[in-house]
Amino acid sequence: MEKHVEEPSNEKSTNNFFYLLGAVFGGLTGGFTQESFLAAIIGAVVGLAFAGFFVGNLLKGREHDR
């Protein structure tokens, strides 16, 4: 059997981009709907949770598309 060695990829991971978008837009949504700073923090946490779900479940195994 031949051993295949993969070249290290220079492509950057886009997962951090999804987490950033989830936190920012979750915070904006929470802040605008409840008009408080605490709601913006809670919205950012919920946005991070949704981003984690998206990256973990919906993008799993699709490295070639990113």
C-alpha atoms as a PDB file:
ATOM      1  CA  MET A   1       0.000   0.000   0.000  1.00  0.00           C
ATOM      2  CA  GLU A   2       1.160   3.467  -0.742  1.00  0.00           C
ATOM      3  CA  LYS A   3       1.162   6.120   1.910  1.00  0.00           C
ATOM      4  CA  HIS A   4      -0.233   9.408   0.733  1.00  0.00           C
ATOM      5  CA  VAL A   5       1.051  12.565   2.327  1.00  0.00           C
ATOM      6  CA  GLU A   6      -1.199  15.569   1.964  1.00  0.00           C
ATOM      7  CA  GLU A   7       0.350  18.953   1.429  1.00  0.00           C
ATOM      8  CA  PRO A   8      -0.474  21.507   4.124  1.00  0.00           C
ATOM      9  CA  SER A   9      -3.207  23.786   2.911  1.00  0.00           C
ATOM     10  CA  ASN A  10      -2.780  27.560   2.847  1.00  0.00           C
ATOM     11  CA  GLU A  11      -6.553  28.065   2.977  1.00  0.00           C
ATOM     12  CA  LYS A  12      -7.863  29.800   6.055  1.00  0.00           C
ATOM     13  CA  SER A  13     -10.688  28.378   8.127  1.00  0.00           C
ATOM     14  CA  THR A  14     -13.913  30.335   7.786  1.00  0.00           C
ATOM     15  CA  ASN A  15     -15.423  28.997  11.006  1.00  0.00           C
ATOM     16  CA  ASN A  16     -14.334  32.071  12.967  1.00  0.00           C
ATOM     17  CA  PHE A  17     -16.192  34.254  10.480  1.00  0.00           C
ATOM     18  CA  PHE A  18     -19.460  32.437  11.238  1.00  0.00           C
ATOM     19  CA  TYR A  19     -18.937  32.810  14.991  1.00  0.00           C
ATOM     20  CA  LEU A  20     -18.238  36.520  14.587  1.00  0.00           C
ATOM     21  CA  LEU A  21     -21.354  37.042  12.466  1.00  0.00           C
ATOM     22  CA  GLY A  22     -23.487  35.111  14.961  1.00  0.00           C
ATOM     23  CA  ALA A  23     -22.225  37.141  17.908  1.00  0.00           C
ATOM     24  CA  VAL A  24     -22.542  40.526  16.201  1.00  0.00           C
ATOM     25  CA  PHE A  25     -25.989  40.053  14.712  1.00  0.00           C
ATOM     26  CA  GLY A  26     -27.282  38.216  17.789  1.00  0.00           C
ATOM     27  CA  GLY A  27     -26.125  41.114  19.943  1.00  0.00           C
ATOM     28  CA  LEU A  28     -27.682  43.663  17.606  1.00  0.00           C
ATOM     29  CA  THR A  29     -30.961  41.786  17.529  1.00  0.00           C
ATOM     30  CA  GLY A  30     -31.107  41.416  21.316  1.00  0.00           C
ATOM     31  CA  GLY A  31     -30.110  45.031  21.875  1.00  0.00           C
ATOM     32  CA  PHE A  32     -32.628  46.471  19.457  1.00  0.00           C
ATOM     33  CA  THR A  33     -35.564  44.338  20.556  1.00  0.00           C
ATOM     34  CA  GLN A  34     -35.172  44.836  24.331  1.00  0.00           C
ATOM     35  CA  GLU A  35     -33.241  48.132  24.241  1.00  0.00           C
ATOM     36  CA  SER A  36     -30.806  47.137  26.981  1.00  0.00           C
ATOM     37  CA  PHE A  37     -27.156  46.206  27.231  1.00  0.00           C
ATOM     38  CA  LEU A  38     -27.914  42.947  29.056  1.00  0.00           C
ATOM     39  CA  ALA A  39     -30.204  41.853  26.219  1.00  0.00           C
ATOM     40  CA  ALA A  40     -27.405  42.575  23.739  1.00  0.00           C
ATOM     41  CA  ILE A  41     -25.037  40.322  25.718  1.00  0.00           C
ATOM     42  CA  ILE A  42     -27.648  37.549  25.909  1.00  0.00           C
ATOM     43  CA  GLY A  43     -28.352  37.960  22.185  1.00  0.00           C
ATOM     44  CA  ALA A  44     -24.642  37.622  21.426  1.00  0.00           C
ATOM     45  CA  VAL A  45     -24.468  34.399  23.444  1.00  0.00           C
ATOM     46  CA  VAL A  46     -27.529  32.999  21.670  1.00  0.00           C
ATOM     47  CA  GLY A  47     -26.011  34.053  18.335  1.00  0.00           C
ATOM     48  CA  LEU A  48     -22.810  32.190  19.206  1.00  0.00           C
ATOM     49  CA  ALA A  49     -24.869  29.110  20.071  1.00  0.00           C
ATOM     50  CA  PHE A  50     -26.644  29.225  16.707  1.00  0.00           C
ATOM     51  CA  ALA A  51     -23.329  29.737  14.922  1.00  0.00           C
ATOM     52  CA  GLY A  52     -21.902  26.740  16.751  1.00  0.00           C
ATOM     53  CA  PHE A  53     -24.869  24.644  15.655  1.00  0.00           C
ATOM     54  CA  PHE A  54     -24.474  25.847  12.076  1.00  0.00           C
ATOM     55  CA  VAL A  55     -20.753  25.142  11.921  1.00  0.00           C
ATOM     56  CA  GLY A  56     -20.948  21.879  13.838  1.00  0.00           C
ATOM     57  CA  ASN A  57     -23.905  20.265  12.102  1.00  0.00           C
ATOM     58  CA  LEU A  58     -24.681  21.958   8.826  1.00  0.00           C
ATOM     59  CA  LEU A  59     -21.124  22.554   7.580  1.00  0.00           C
ATOM     60  CA  LYS A  60     -19.652  19.295   8.851  1.00  0.00           C
ATOM     61  CA  GLY A  61     -17.893  17.390   6.100  1.00  0.00           C
ATOM     62  CA  ARG A  62     -18.102  20.138   3.503  1.00  0.00           C
ATOM     63  CA  GLU A  63     -14.515  21.374   3.539  1.00  0.00           C
ATOM     64  CA  HIS A  64     -14.391  21.412  -0.262  1.00  0.00           C
ATOM     65  CA  ASP A  65     -17.174  24.015  -0.463  1.00  0.00           C
ATOM     66  CA  ARG A  66     -15.423  26.579   1.729  1.00  0.00           C
END
